[in-house]
Structures are given as C-alpha cells and as structure tokens.
Amino acid sequence: MNQLFITGIGTEVGKTVCSAVLTQYFKADYWKPVQSGDLDYTDSHKIELWTESTVCHPETYRLQLAASPHQSAREENIEISLDQFQLPKTDNKLIVEGAGGLMVPLTDDIFMIDLIEKLDLPVALVVRNYLGCINHSLLSIMALKQRKLRLEYLIFNGNFPPDTERVICNFMKRETRIIYIPEIDQPTKVSIKAAAEQLTKTNL
C-alpha cells in the first residue's frame, strides 16, 4: 500500500479515527483534500494529535461552514474544481481522507467518488454498525464496482452483530481485505498506537 483513499458509508462513521490507525500502522503521510467546517480543530489537527510524527499535507479547500462541501463553498462564493486537486508530493506512503461518503457533493454535479476516480486511488471503506448500515454498505460497494474503483480494504469500525458482518462480507469481491478496528471512545496517541499494533498482529 503506497496510497489509499479512506471513505465511509456515511458521515460520523469514524473515518478520521480509522485514518489515524492506518496512518500510524503504515507510518504514512496524511492528506484531507476538503475540510468543511471546524477549522480550529480540523481532521489534520486530530491526526497530528493522535499519531506519531505524521506529516499532514495542506488541504486543497478549507471551508468555514460545517456542512456539505458544495453548500459550504457556495456560502463563500468558491467553486470547487477537480482540476485543483493534486496528490501531495512525497516519497512516503499516503493516507487520503474524504469528507462523508461516496456521494457527498463537492458541487451540484461533482461528488466525492469523482475525486477518488480523478486521483485514481484504491479505496478503504469504513463501516459502522447502526440500523441501515447494511443498506448503506452494499450501496457504497455497488457504487465503487460501477466506477471500477478498487476496494482494497473494508474496515469494520467497532462491534458488529455476526448477521450484519456476514451479509456485507458476502457482497464483496474476494480480493478485498477486511480490517477490524476496535471501539475507540477517546482517541489518543496511546489508543491509536495500540489499535495499529493490533493490526500488525493480524498481519494486515
């Protein structure tokens, strides 16, 4: 794994925590292309706090309003363009974290999945257990298949009923690898490092 795009089946499924674990595990750089809101405590700030000596590359777009990027950009009279996104130059491995899920709009007709396609990166899909997560997971996997985007990893973030996990796993291609990340209520350098070391033990 040299470069990996982290996305989720929705918002608030733990993408940043999972990104921190993988950044720590791979000793990678980190890049958040679009930060929408929370500019005083961005996802890049969290990664710097939760991991050891990580290089966080500047966001392409930093938007004030904590909302969908297309709405936040419109509030500031900014037009997001795919042409503005370029992978950071680094000799290190790179974790890229998206905003929300695959169909989060960057403009009225450009979505997060279009950015993944433009960057041409393999994908890690973060899944969290809630009522409706099976539907959201299978739709996300279908969307990636339709675009012929490689689903490198599926990440089960937290605890899952066996029935839920089985249905989701049965829907994936065999080459997709599964990552289990334990529930991390309070992310710290210690808890993130412990989760990354657990991945090492399971031979990711």
N, C-alpha and C. Protein backbone atom coordinates (compact mmCIF):
# COMPACT_ATOMS: atom_id res chain seq x y z
N MET A 1 0.85 -1.19 0.00
CA MET A 1 0.00 0.00 0.00
C MET A 1 0.88 1.24 0.00
N ASN A 2 0.85 2.00 -1.09
CA ASN A 2 1.57 3.27 -1.13
C ASN A 2 0.64 4.46 -0.92
N GLN A 3 -0.56 4.39 -1.50
CA GLN A 3 -1.55 5.45 -1.37
C GLN A 3 -2.93 4.82 -1.21
N LEU A 4 -3.74 5.41 -0.36
CA LEU A 4 -5.05 4.83 -0.06
C LEU A 4 -6.04 5.93 0.26
N PHE A 5 -7.24 5.83 -0.32
CA PHE A 5 -8.30 6.82 -0.06
C PHE A 5 -9.29 6.21 0.94
N ILE A 6 -9.47 6.89 2.07
CA ILE A 6 -10.39 6.45 3.12
C ILE A 6 -11.73 7.15 2.92
N THR A 7 -12.78 6.37 2.71
CA THR A 7 -14.13 6.92 2.65
C THR A 7 -15.02 6.12 3.59
N GLY A 8 -16.28 6.50 3.69
CA GLY A 8 -17.18 5.82 4.61
C GLY A 8 -18.54 5.60 4.00
N ILE A 9 -19.36 4.83 4.69
CA ILE A 9 -20.72 4.58 4.20
C ILE A 9 -21.64 5.74 4.55
N GLY A 10 -21.10 6.73 5.26
CA GLY A 10 -21.88 7.91 5.62
C GLY A 10 -21.03 8.84 6.46
N THR A 11 -21.68 9.81 7.08
CA THR A 11 -20.99 10.76 7.95
C THR A 11 -20.96 10.21 9.37
N GLU A 12 -19.92 10.57 10.11
CA GLU A 12 -19.78 10.17 11.52
C GLU A 12 -19.71 8.65 11.69
N VAL A 13 -18.97 7.99 10.80
CA VAL A 13 -18.76 6.54 10.96
C VAL A 13 -17.35 6.24 11.47
N GLY A 14 -16.56 7.29 11.73
CA GLY A 14 -15.24 7.09 12.31
C GLY A 14 -14.11 7.07 11.31
N LYS A 15 -14.27 7.79 10.20
CA LYS A 15 -13.22 7.79 9.18
C LYS A 15 -11.90 8.35 9.72
N THR A 16 -11.96 9.41 10.52
CA THR A 16 -10.73 10.04 10.97
C THR A 16 -9.99 9.15 11.97
N VAL A 17 -10.72 8.51 12.85
CA VAL A 17 -10.09 7.55 13.77
C VAL A 17 -9.44 6.41 12.99
N CYS A 18 -10.17 5.87 12.02
CA CYS A 18 -9.60 4.78 11.20
C CYS A 18 -8.43 5.27 10.37
N SER A 19 -8.51 6.50 9.87
CA SER A 19 -7.38 7.08 9.14
C SER A 19 -6.16 7.21 10.04
N ALA A 20 -6.39 7.59 11.29
CA ALA A 20 -5.28 7.71 12.23
C ALA A 20 -4.62 6.35 12.47
N VAL A 21 -5.44 5.32 12.64
CA VAL A 21 -4.90 3.98 12.88
C VAL A 21 -4.07 3.52 11.68
N LEU A 22 -4.59 3.72 10.47
CA LEU A 22 -3.86 3.30 9.27
C LEU A 22 -2.62 4.16 9.02
N THR A 23 -2.74 5.46 9.31
CA THR A 23 -1.57 6.34 9.19
C THR A 23 -0.47 5.88 10.14
N GLN A 24 -0.84 5.54 11.34
CA GLN A 24 0.13 5.05 12.32
C GLN A 24 0.70 3.70 11.88
N TYR A 25 -0.17 2.82 11.42
CA TYR A 25 0.25 1.47 11.01
C TYR A 25 1.24 1.51 9.85
N PHE A 26 0.90 2.30 8.82
CA PHE A 26 1.75 2.36 7.63
C PHE A 26 2.88 3.38 7.76
N LYS A 27 2.87 4.15 8.89
CA LYS A 27 3.81 5.26 9.05
C LYS A 27 3.76 6.18 7.83
N ALA A 28 2.52 6.52 7.46
CA ALA A 28 2.26 7.26 6.22
C ALA A 28 2.09 8.75 6.49
N ASP A 29 2.15 9.55 5.42
CA ASP A 29 1.69 10.94 5.46
C ASP A 29 0.16 10.94 5.40
N TYR A 30 -0.43 12.11 5.66
CA TYR A 30 -1.89 12.24 5.68
C TYR A 30 -2.29 13.47 4.88
N TRP A 31 -3.41 13.34 4.17
CA TRP A 31 -3.94 14.48 3.41
C TRP A 31 -5.46 14.45 3.43
N LYS A 32 -6.05 15.57 3.81
CA LYS A 32 -7.50 15.78 3.76
C LYS A 32 -7.76 16.80 2.65
N PRO A 33 -8.23 16.39 1.48
CA PRO A 33 -8.38 17.34 0.37
C PRO A 33 -9.36 18.46 0.66
N VAL A 34 -10.47 18.15 1.36
CA VAL A 34 -11.50 19.16 1.64
C VAL A 34 -11.84 19.12 3.11
N GLN A 35 -11.63 20.24 3.80
CA GLN A 35 -12.07 20.39 5.19
C GLN A 35 -13.23 21.36 5.21
N SER A 36 -14.40 20.87 5.61
CA SER A 36 -15.61 21.69 5.61
C SER A 36 -16.05 21.95 7.05
N GLY A 37 -15.70 23.12 7.56
CA GLY A 37 -16.03 23.47 8.94
C GLY A 37 -14.96 23.02 9.92
N ASP A 38 -15.10 23.42 11.20
CA ASP A 38 -14.19 23.04 12.28
C ASP A 38 -12.73 23.39 11.95
N LEU A 39 -12.51 24.58 11.42
CA LEU A 39 -11.16 24.95 11.00
C LEU A 39 -10.22 25.16 12.18
N ASP A 40 -10.77 25.33 13.39
CA ASP A 40 -9.93 25.46 14.58
C ASP A 40 -9.47 24.10 15.10
N TYR A 41 -10.15 23.04 14.66
CA TYR A 41 -9.79 21.68 15.11
C TYR A 41 -10.10 20.73 13.96
N THR A 42 -9.27 20.80 12.93
CA THR A 42 -9.51 20.05 11.70
C THR A 42 -9.14 18.58 11.88
N ASP A 43 -9.49 17.79 10.87
CA ASP A 43 -9.09 16.38 10.90
C ASP A 43 -7.58 16.25 10.85
N SER A 44 -6.92 17.16 10.14
CA SER A 44 -5.45 17.15 10.13
C SER A 44 -4.89 17.40 11.52
N HIS A 45 -5.51 18.32 12.27
CA HIS A 45 -5.09 18.56 13.65
C HIS A 45 -5.23 17.29 14.48
N LYS A 46 -6.35 16.59 14.29
CA LYS A 46 -6.58 15.35 15.05
C LYS A 46 -5.52 14.31 14.74
N ILE A 47 -5.21 14.16 13.46
CA ILE A 47 -4.20 13.17 13.07
C ILE A 47 -2.85 13.51 13.71
N GLU A 48 -2.51 14.80 13.72
CA GLU A 48 -1.25 15.22 14.36
C GLU A 48 -1.25 14.91 15.85
N LEU A 49 -2.41 15.08 16.49
CA LEU A 49 -2.53 14.81 17.92
C LEU A 49 -2.49 13.32 18.24
N TRP A 50 -3.11 12.52 17.39
CA TRP A 50 -3.33 11.11 17.70
C TRP A 50 -2.24 10.17 17.20
N THR A 51 -1.36 10.66 16.32
CA THR A 51 -0.33 9.78 15.74
C THR A 51 1.05 10.36 16.01
N GLU A 52 2.06 9.57 15.68
CA GLU A 52 3.43 9.95 15.99
C GLU A 52 4.14 10.50 14.76
N SER A 53 4.52 11.77 14.83
CA SER A 53 5.39 12.40 13.81
C SER A 53 4.84 12.29 12.39
N THR A 54 3.53 12.48 12.24
CA THR A 54 2.91 12.38 10.91
C THR A 54 3.00 13.71 10.18
N VAL A 55 3.37 13.65 8.91
CA VAL A 55 3.33 14.82 8.04
C VAL A 55 1.92 14.96 7.49
N CYS A 56 1.25 16.06 7.80
CA CYS A 56 -0.09 16.33 7.29
C CYS A 56 0.01 17.40 6.21
N HIS A 57 -0.36 17.07 5.01
CA HIS A 57 -0.27 17.99 3.88
C HIS A 57 -1.45 18.96 3.89
N PRO A 58 -1.28 20.18 3.40
CA PRO A 58 -2.35 21.19 3.44
C PRO A 58 -3.56 20.78 2.62
N GLU A 59 -4.72 21.14 3.11
CA GLU A 59 -5.96 20.89 2.39
C GLU A 59 -6.01 21.73 1.11
N THR A 60 -6.64 21.21 0.09
CA THR A 60 -6.86 22.00 -1.13
C THR A 60 -7.94 23.05 -0.89
N TYR A 61 -8.98 22.67 -0.18
CA TYR A 61 -10.06 23.60 0.16
C TYR A 61 -10.29 23.55 1.67
N ARG A 62 -10.30 24.75 2.28
CA ARG A 62 -10.64 24.92 3.70
C ARG A 62 -11.87 25.81 3.76
N LEU A 63 -12.99 25.23 4.13
CA LEU A 63 -14.28 25.93 4.08
C LEU A 63 -14.80 26.17 5.49
N GLN A 64 -15.41 27.33 5.70
CA GLN A 64 -15.80 27.75 7.04
C GLN A 64 -17.01 26.98 7.60
N LEU A 65 -18.01 26.78 6.76
CA LEU A 65 -19.28 26.24 7.24
C LEU A 65 -19.20 24.73 7.41
N ALA A 66 -19.66 24.23 8.56
CA ALA A 66 -19.71 22.79 8.80
C ALA A 66 -20.95 22.22 8.11
N ALA A 67 -20.82 21.95 6.84
CA ALA A 67 -21.92 21.44 6.03
C ALA A 67 -21.34 20.69 4.85
N SER A 68 -22.21 20.21 3.97
CA SER A 68 -21.73 19.56 2.76
C SER A 68 -20.82 20.52 2.00
N PRO A 69 -19.70 20.03 1.43
CA PRO A 69 -18.76 20.94 0.77
C PRO A 69 -19.37 21.83 -0.30
N HIS A 70 -20.35 21.32 -1.04
CA HIS A 70 -20.93 22.16 -2.09
C HIS A 70 -21.68 23.34 -1.50
N GLN A 71 -22.32 23.13 -0.34
CA GLN A 71 -23.03 24.23 0.34
C GLN A 71 -22.03 25.19 0.98
N SER A 72 -21.02 24.64 1.65
CA SER A 72 -20.01 25.48 2.29
C SER A 72 -19.29 26.37 1.27
N ALA A 73 -18.94 25.77 0.14
CA ALA A 73 -18.24 26.53 -0.90
C ALA A 73 -19.12 27.64 -1.47
N ARG A 74 -20.40 27.33 -1.68
CA ARG A 74 -21.32 28.34 -2.23
C ARG A 74 -21.46 29.52 -1.27
N GLU A 75 -21.47 29.23 0.04
CA GLU A 75 -21.58 30.30 1.04
C GLU A 75 -20.42 31.29 0.92
N GLU A 76 -19.26 30.80 0.47
CA GLU A 76 -18.07 31.64 0.36
C GLU A 76 -17.77 32.04 -1.09
N ASN A 77 -18.73 31.78 -1.98
CA ASN A 77 -18.55 32.10 -3.40
C ASN A 77 -17.31 31.41 -3.99
N ILE A 78 -17.11 30.17 -3.56
CA ILE A 78 -16.00 29.36 -4.07
C ILE A 78 -16.59 28.26 -4.94
N GLU A 79 -15.96 28.02 -6.07
CA GLU A 79 -16.37 26.91 -6.92
C GLU A 79 -15.28 25.83 -6.87
N ILE A 80 -15.65 24.68 -6.32
CA ILE A 80 -14.70 23.58 -6.23
C ILE A 80 -14.50 22.96 -7.61
N SER A 81 -13.24 22.76 -7.97
CA SER A 81 -12.91 22.18 -9.28
C SER A 81 -12.02 20.96 -9.08
N LEU A 82 -12.32 19.88 -9.78
CA LEU A 82 -11.49 18.68 -9.69
C LEU A 82 -10.06 18.97 -10.14
N ASP A 83 -9.90 19.92 -11.04
CA ASP A 83 -8.57 20.23 -11.57
C ASP A 83 -7.64 20.78 -10.50
N GLN A 84 -8.20 21.31 -9.41
CA GLN A 84 -7.38 21.88 -8.35
C GLN A 84 -6.77 20.83 -7.43
N PHE A 85 -7.27 19.60 -7.51
CA PHE A 85 -6.78 18.55 -6.61
C PHE A 85 -5.59 17.83 -7.24
N GLN A 86 -4.47 17.89 -6.55
CA GLN A 86 -3.27 17.17 -6.96
C GLN A 86 -2.71 16.45 -5.74
N LEU A 87 -2.35 15.19 -5.92
CA LEU A 87 -1.78 14.45 -4.80
C LEU A 87 -0.52 15.14 -4.30
N PRO A 88 -0.35 15.25 -2.98
CA PRO A 88 0.87 15.87 -2.45
C PRO A 88 2.11 15.10 -2.90
N LYS A 89 3.19 15.83 -3.11
CA LYS A 89 4.44 15.19 -3.48
C LYS A 89 5.12 14.68 -2.21
N THR A 90 5.35 13.39 -2.16
CA THR A 90 6.01 12.78 -1.01
C THR A 90 6.63 11.46 -1.45
N ASP A 91 7.73 11.12 -0.81
CA ASP A 91 8.35 9.82 -1.04
C ASP A 91 7.79 8.78 -0.08
N ASN A 92 6.90 9.23 0.82
CA ASN A 92 6.34 8.35 1.83
C ASN A 92 5.00 7.79 1.36
N LYS A 93 4.48 6.83 2.08
CA LYS A 93 3.11 6.36 1.85
C LYS A 93 2.13 7.48 2.21
N LEU A 94 0.92 7.39 1.69
CA LEU A 94 -0.04 8.50 1.85
C LEU A 94 -1.44 7.97 2.12
N ILE A 95 -2.04 8.45 3.20
CA ILE A 95 -3.45 8.20 3.51
C ILE A 95 -4.23 9.47 3.16
N VAL A 96 -5.25 9.32 2.31
CA VAL A 96 -6.11 10.43 1.91
C VAL A 96 -7.49 10.18 2.51
N GLU A 97 -8.03 11.17 3.22
CA GLU A 97 -9.35 11.01 3.84
C GLU A 97 -10.37 11.92 3.17
N GLY A 98 -11.45 11.33 2.69
CA GLY A 98 -12.53 12.10 2.09
C GLY A 98 -13.43 12.72 3.14
N ALA A 99 -14.45 13.42 2.67
CA ALA A 99 -15.47 14.01 3.54
C ALA A 99 -16.76 13.23 3.36
N GLY A 100 -17.30 12.71 4.46
CA GLY A 100 -18.55 11.96 4.37
C GLY A 100 -18.40 10.71 3.53
N GLY A 101 -19.47 10.39 2.77
CA GLY A 101 -19.49 9.18 1.96
C GLY A 101 -19.19 9.46 0.50
N LEU A 102 -19.40 8.44 -0.31
CA LEU A 102 -19.03 8.50 -1.72
C LEU A 102 -19.83 9.54 -2.51
N MET A 103 -21.07 9.75 -2.13
CA MET A 103 -21.93 10.64 -2.90
C MET A 103 -22.10 12.01 -2.25
N VAL A 104 -21.17 12.39 -1.40
CA VAL A 104 -21.17 13.76 -0.86
C VAL A 104 -20.83 14.71 -2.00
N PRO A 105 -21.66 15.73 -2.22
CA PRO A 105 -21.41 16.64 -3.34
C PRO A 105 -20.31 17.66 -3.05
N LEU A 106 -19.42 17.80 -4.03
CA LEU A 106 -18.43 18.88 -4.00
C LEU A 106 -18.97 20.10 -4.74
N THR A 107 -19.76 19.84 -5.78
CA THR A 107 -20.55 20.86 -6.47
C THR A 107 -21.91 20.23 -6.71
N ASP A 108 -22.77 20.90 -7.46
CA ASP A 108 -24.09 20.33 -7.73
C ASP A 108 -24.02 19.05 -8.56
N ASP A 109 -22.91 18.85 -9.28
CA ASP A 109 -22.83 17.67 -10.14
C ASP A 109 -21.48 16.95 -10.07
N ILE A 110 -20.67 17.26 -9.07
CA ILE A 110 -19.42 16.54 -8.82
C ILE A 110 -19.45 16.01 -7.40
N PHE A 111 -19.11 14.74 -7.25
CA PHE A 111 -19.25 14.06 -5.96
C PHE A 111 -17.90 13.50 -5.50
N MET A 112 -17.86 13.08 -4.23
CA MET A 112 -16.61 12.56 -3.67
C MET A 112 -16.07 11.39 -4.49
N ILE A 113 -16.94 10.56 -5.01
CA ILE A 113 -16.49 9.43 -5.81
C ILE A 113 -15.78 9.89 -7.09
N ASP A 114 -16.16 11.06 -7.59
CA ASP A 114 -15.47 11.62 -8.76
C ASP A 114 -14.04 12.02 -8.41
N LEU A 115 -13.84 12.51 -7.20
CA LEU A 115 -12.50 12.86 -6.74
C LEU A 115 -11.64 11.60 -6.61
N ILE A 116 -12.21 10.53 -6.07
CA ILE A 116 -11.46 9.27 -5.95
C ILE A 116 -11.05 8.79 -7.33
N GLU A 117 -11.98 8.87 -8.28
CA GLU A 117 -11.70 8.44 -9.64
C GLU A 117 -10.60 9.31 -10.26
N LYS A 118 -10.66 10.60 -10.01
CA LYS A 118 -9.67 11.52 -10.56
C LYS A 118 -8.28 11.23 -9.99
N LEU A 119 -8.20 10.98 -8.70
CA LEU A 119 -6.92 10.70 -8.06
C LEU A 119 -6.43 9.29 -8.36
N ASP A 120 -7.35 8.42 -8.79
CA ASP A 120 -7.01 7.04 -9.20
C ASP A 120 -6.36 6.27 -8.06
N LEU A 121 -7.07 6.25 -6.92
CA LEU A 121 -6.54 5.59 -5.73
C LEU A 121 -7.38 4.38 -5.33
N PRO A 122 -6.76 3.34 -4.76
CA PRO A 122 -7.55 2.27 -4.15
C PRO A 122 -8.27 2.81 -2.92
N VAL A 123 -9.33 2.12 -2.53
CA VAL A 123 -10.25 2.65 -1.51
C VAL A 123 -10.29 1.74 -0.29
N ALA A 124 -10.40 2.38 0.89
CA ALA A 124 -10.77 1.69 2.12
C ALA A 124 -12.11 2.25 2.56
N LEU A 125 -13.09 1.38 2.73
CA LEU A 125 -14.45 1.80 3.07
C LEU A 125 -14.72 1.52 4.55
N VAL A 126 -15.02 2.58 5.30
CA VAL A 126 -15.28 2.45 6.74
C VAL A 126 -16.76 2.20 6.97
N VAL A 127 -17.05 1.15 7.74
CA VAL A 127 -18.42 0.77 8.07
C VAL A 127 -18.58 0.82 9.58
N ARG A 128 -19.69 1.39 10.02
CA ARG A 128 -20.02 1.39 11.45
C ARG A 128 -21.41 0.78 11.62
N ASN A 129 -21.62 0.12 12.75
CA ASN A 129 -22.88 -0.58 12.98
C ASN A 129 -23.98 0.37 13.44
N TYR A 130 -25.05 0.45 12.66
CA TYR A 130 -26.26 1.16 13.04
C TYR A 130 -27.39 0.62 12.17
N LEU A 131 -28.61 0.90 12.53
CA LEU A 131 -29.74 0.44 11.74
C LEU A 131 -29.69 1.11 10.37
N GLY A 132 -29.56 0.31 9.33
CA GLY A 132 -29.41 0.84 7.97
C GLY A 132 -28.01 0.71 7.41
N CYS A 133 -27.05 0.26 8.25
CA CYS A 133 -25.67 0.20 7.78
C CYS A 133 -25.47 -0.84 6.69
N ILE A 134 -26.26 -1.91 6.69
CA ILE A 134 -26.12 -2.92 5.63
C ILE A 134 -26.48 -2.29 4.29
N ASN A 135 -27.61 -1.62 4.25
CA ASN A 135 -28.06 -0.96 3.02
C ASN A 135 -27.02 0.05 2.53
N HIS A 136 -26.52 0.88 3.43
CA HIS A 136 -25.53 1.90 3.05
C HIS A 136 -24.22 1.26 2.60
N SER A 137 -23.84 0.17 3.24
CA SER A 137 -22.60 -0.52 2.86
C SER A 137 -22.72 -1.13 1.47
N LEU A 138 -23.80 -1.84 1.21
CA LEU A 138 -23.95 -2.50 -0.08
C LEU A 138 -24.09 -1.49 -1.21
N LEU A 139 -24.79 -0.39 -0.96
CA LEU A 139 -24.90 0.65 -1.98
C LEU A 139 -23.53 1.27 -2.27
N SER A 140 -22.72 1.46 -1.23
CA SER A 140 -21.38 2.02 -1.42
C SER A 140 -20.50 1.06 -2.22
N ILE A 141 -20.57 -0.22 -1.90
CA ILE A 141 -19.79 -1.22 -2.63
C ILE A 141 -20.24 -1.27 -4.09
N MET A 142 -21.55 -1.19 -4.31
CA MET A 142 -22.08 -1.17 -5.69
C MET A 142 -21.56 0.03 -6.46
N ALA A 143 -21.55 1.19 -5.82
CA ALA A 143 -21.08 2.41 -6.49
C ALA A 143 -19.62 2.28 -6.90
N LEU A 144 -18.79 1.71 -6.02
CA LEU A 144 -17.39 1.51 -6.35
C LEU A 144 -17.23 0.53 -7.51
N LYS A 145 -18.02 -0.54 -7.50
CA LYS A 145 -17.97 -1.52 -8.59
C LYS A 145 -18.35 -0.88 -9.92
N GLN A 146 -19.40 -0.05 -9.91
CA GLN A 146 -19.85 0.59 -11.15
C GLN A 146 -18.78 1.49 -11.74
N ARG A 147 -18.00 2.14 -10.88
CA ARG A 147 -16.92 3.03 -11.35
C ARG A 147 -15.62 2.27 -11.59
N LYS A 148 -15.64 0.95 -11.31
CA LYS A 148 -14.43 0.12 -11.45
C LYS A 148 -13.30 0.65 -10.57
N LEU A 149 -13.65 1.10 -9.37
CA LEU A 149 -12.68 1.54 -8.38
C LEU A 149 -12.36 0.37 -7.45
N ARG A 150 -11.10 0.20 -7.15
CA ARG A 150 -10.66 -0.96 -6.37
C ARG A 150 -10.94 -0.76 -4.88
N LEU A 151 -11.73 -1.67 -4.32
CA LEU A 151 -11.98 -1.67 -2.88
C LEU A 151 -10.90 -2.53 -2.23
N GLU A 152 -9.86 -1.87 -1.77
CA GLU A 152 -8.71 -2.57 -1.20
C GLU A 152 -9.03 -3.16 0.16
N TYR A 153 -9.68 -2.33 1.00
CA TYR A 153 -9.99 -2.75 2.37
C TYR A 153 -11.43 -2.37 2.72
N LEU A 154 -12.08 -3.23 3.47
CA LEU A 154 -13.32 -2.86 4.14
C LEU A 154 -13.03 -2.86 5.63
N ILE A 155 -13.33 -1.74 6.28
CA ILE A 155 -12.98 -1.56 7.69
C ILE A 155 -14.24 -1.64 8.55
N PHE A 156 -14.31 -2.66 9.40
CA PHE A 156 -15.38 -2.72 10.40
C PHE A 156 -14.91 -1.94 11.61
N ASN A 157 -15.52 -0.79 11.84
CA ASN A 157 -15.13 0.11 12.92
C ASN A 157 -16.04 -0.11 14.12
N GLY A 158 -15.53 -0.78 15.15
CA GLY A 158 -16.34 -1.09 16.32
C GLY A 158 -16.92 -2.49 16.25
N ASN A 159 -17.93 -2.73 17.08
CA ASN A 159 -18.52 -4.06 17.20
C ASN A 159 -19.71 -4.24 16.25
N PHE A 160 -19.85 -5.47 15.73
CA PHE A 160 -20.90 -5.77 14.77
C PHE A 160 -21.58 -7.09 15.11
N PRO A 161 -22.91 -7.17 14.91
CA PRO A 161 -23.57 -8.47 15.01
C PRO A 161 -23.08 -9.38 13.87
N PRO A 162 -22.89 -10.65 14.14
CA PRO A 162 -22.42 -11.57 13.09
C PRO A 162 -23.30 -11.56 11.84
N ASP A 163 -24.61 -11.42 12.00
CA ASP A 163 -25.51 -11.42 10.83
C ASP A 163 -25.23 -10.22 9.92
N THR A 164 -24.94 -9.08 10.52
CA THR A 164 -24.64 -7.88 9.73
C THR A 164 -23.30 -8.05 8.99
N GLU A 165 -22.31 -8.49 9.72
CA GLU A 165 -20.98 -8.67 9.12
C GLU A 165 -21.01 -9.67 7.98
N ARG A 166 -21.75 -10.76 8.15
CA ARG A 166 -21.79 -11.81 7.14
C ARG A 166 -22.39 -11.32 5.83
N VAL A 167 -23.50 -10.59 5.91
CA VAL A 167 -24.15 -10.11 4.69
C VAL A 167 -23.24 -9.15 3.93
N ILE A 168 -22.58 -8.25 4.65
CA ILE A 168 -21.69 -7.29 4.00
C ILE A 168 -20.51 -8.01 3.36
N CYS A 169 -19.89 -8.93 4.08
CA CYS A 169 -18.73 -9.65 3.56
C CYS A 169 -19.09 -10.49 2.33
N ASN A 170 -20.26 -11.08 2.34
CA ASN A 170 -20.67 -11.92 1.21
C ASN A 170 -20.87 -11.12 -0.06
N PHE A 171 -21.05 -9.81 0.07
CA PHE A 171 -21.33 -8.96 -1.08
C PHE A 171 -20.05 -8.46 -1.76
N MET A 172 -18.91 -8.66 -1.10
CA MET A 172 -17.66 -8.10 -1.61
C MET A 172 -16.92 -9.09 -2.48
N LYS A 173 -15.99 -8.56 -3.27
CA LYS A 173 -15.10 -9.42 -4.03
C LYS A 173 -14.06 -10.01 -3.09
N ARG A 174 -13.55 -11.17 -3.47
CA ARG A 174 -12.63 -11.90 -2.58
C ARG A 174 -11.32 -11.17 -2.36
N GLU A 175 -10.90 -10.34 -3.32
CA GLU A 175 -9.60 -9.69 -3.15
C GLU A 175 -9.63 -8.56 -2.12
N THR A 176 -10.84 -8.10 -1.73
CA THR A 176 -10.94 -7.07 -0.70
C THR A 176 -10.58 -7.67 0.66
N ARG A 177 -9.68 -6.99 1.36
CA ARG A 177 -9.28 -7.48 2.68
C ARG A 177 -10.08 -6.76 3.78
N ILE A 178 -10.29 -7.47 4.86
CA ILE A 178 -11.09 -6.96 5.98
C ILE A 178 -10.17 -6.47 7.09
N ILE A 179 -10.49 -5.29 7.61
CA ILE A 179 -9.79 -4.75 8.77
C ILE A 179 -10.80 -4.57 9.90
N TYR A 180 -10.42 -5.03 11.08
CA TYR A 180 -11.25 -4.82 12.27
C TYR A 180 -10.54 -3.82 13.17
N ILE A 181 -11.22 -2.71 13.44
CA ILE A 181 -10.68 -1.71 14.36
C ILE A 181 -11.61 -1.65 15.57
N PRO A 182 -11.06 -1.82 16.77
CA PRO A 182 -11.91 -1.85 17.96
C PRO A 182 -12.54 -0.50 18.25
N GLU A 183 -13.57 -0.52 19.07
CA GLU A 183 -14.20 0.73 19.50
C GLU A 183 -13.18 1.59 20.24
N ILE A 184 -12.98 2.81 19.76
CA ILE A 184 -12.04 3.74 20.41
C ILE A 184 -12.86 4.96 20.83
N ASP A 185 -13.24 5.00 22.11
CA ASP A 185 -14.10 6.07 22.60
C ASP A 185 -13.36 7.40 22.71
N GLN A 186 -12.11 7.33 23.15
CA GLN A 186 -11.32 8.55 23.34
C GLN A 186 -9.98 8.38 22.62
N PRO A 187 -9.92 8.83 21.37
CA PRO A 187 -8.67 8.67 20.62
C PRO A 187 -7.52 9.46 21.26
N THR A 188 -6.41 8.79 21.46
CA THR A 188 -5.18 9.40 21.94
C THR A 188 -4.03 8.72 21.21
N LYS A 189 -2.83 9.25 21.37
CA LYS A 189 -1.67 8.58 20.79
C LYS A 189 -1.57 7.13 21.26
N VAL A 190 -1.89 6.91 22.54
CA VAL A 190 -1.76 5.57 23.12
C VAL A 190 -2.79 4.62 22.52
N SER A 191 -4.06 5.05 22.47
CA SER A 191 -5.11 4.15 21.97
C SER A 191 -4.98 3.90 20.47
N ILE A 192 -4.56 4.91 19.72
CA ILE A 192 -4.37 4.73 18.28
C ILE A 192 -3.20 3.81 18.01
N LYS A 193 -2.10 3.99 18.75
CA LYS A 193 -0.94 3.12 18.57
C LYS A 193 -1.28 1.67 18.93
N ALA A 194 -2.06 1.48 20.00
CA ALA A 194 -2.46 0.13 20.40
C ALA A 194 -3.30 -0.54 19.32
N ALA A 195 -4.21 0.23 18.70
CA ALA A 195 -5.04 -0.32 17.62
C ALA A 195 -4.18 -0.67 16.41
N ALA A 196 -3.19 0.18 16.10
CA ALA A 196 -2.30 -0.08 14.97
C ALA A 196 -1.45 -1.31 15.23
N GLU A 197 -1.02 -1.49 16.46
CA GLU A 197 -0.23 -2.68 16.79
C GLU A 197 -1.08 -3.94 16.70
N GLN A 198 -2.35 -3.83 17.01
CA GLN A 198 -3.25 -4.98 16.88
C GLN A 198 -3.39 -5.37 15.42
N LEU A 199 -3.42 -4.39 14.51
CA LEU A 199 -3.45 -4.69 13.09
C LEU A 199 -2.20 -5.45 12.68
N THR A 200 -1.06 -5.07 13.25
CA THR A 200 0.18 -5.77 12.95
C THR A 200 0.08 -7.24 13.33
N LYS A 201 -0.54 -7.50 14.46
CA LYS A 201 -0.67 -8.88 14.94
C LYS A 201 -1.58 -9.72 14.04
N THR A 202 -2.51 -9.05 13.37
CA THR A 202 -3.42 -9.79 12.49
C THR A 202 -2.90 -9.81 11.05
N ASN A 203 -1.65 -9.33 10.86
CA ASN A 203 -0.99 -9.43 9.54
C ASN A 203 -1.79 -8.75 8.43
N LEU A 204 -2.07 -7.49 8.59
CA LEU A 204 -2.77 -6.72 7.56
C LEU A 204 -1.99 -6.77 6.25
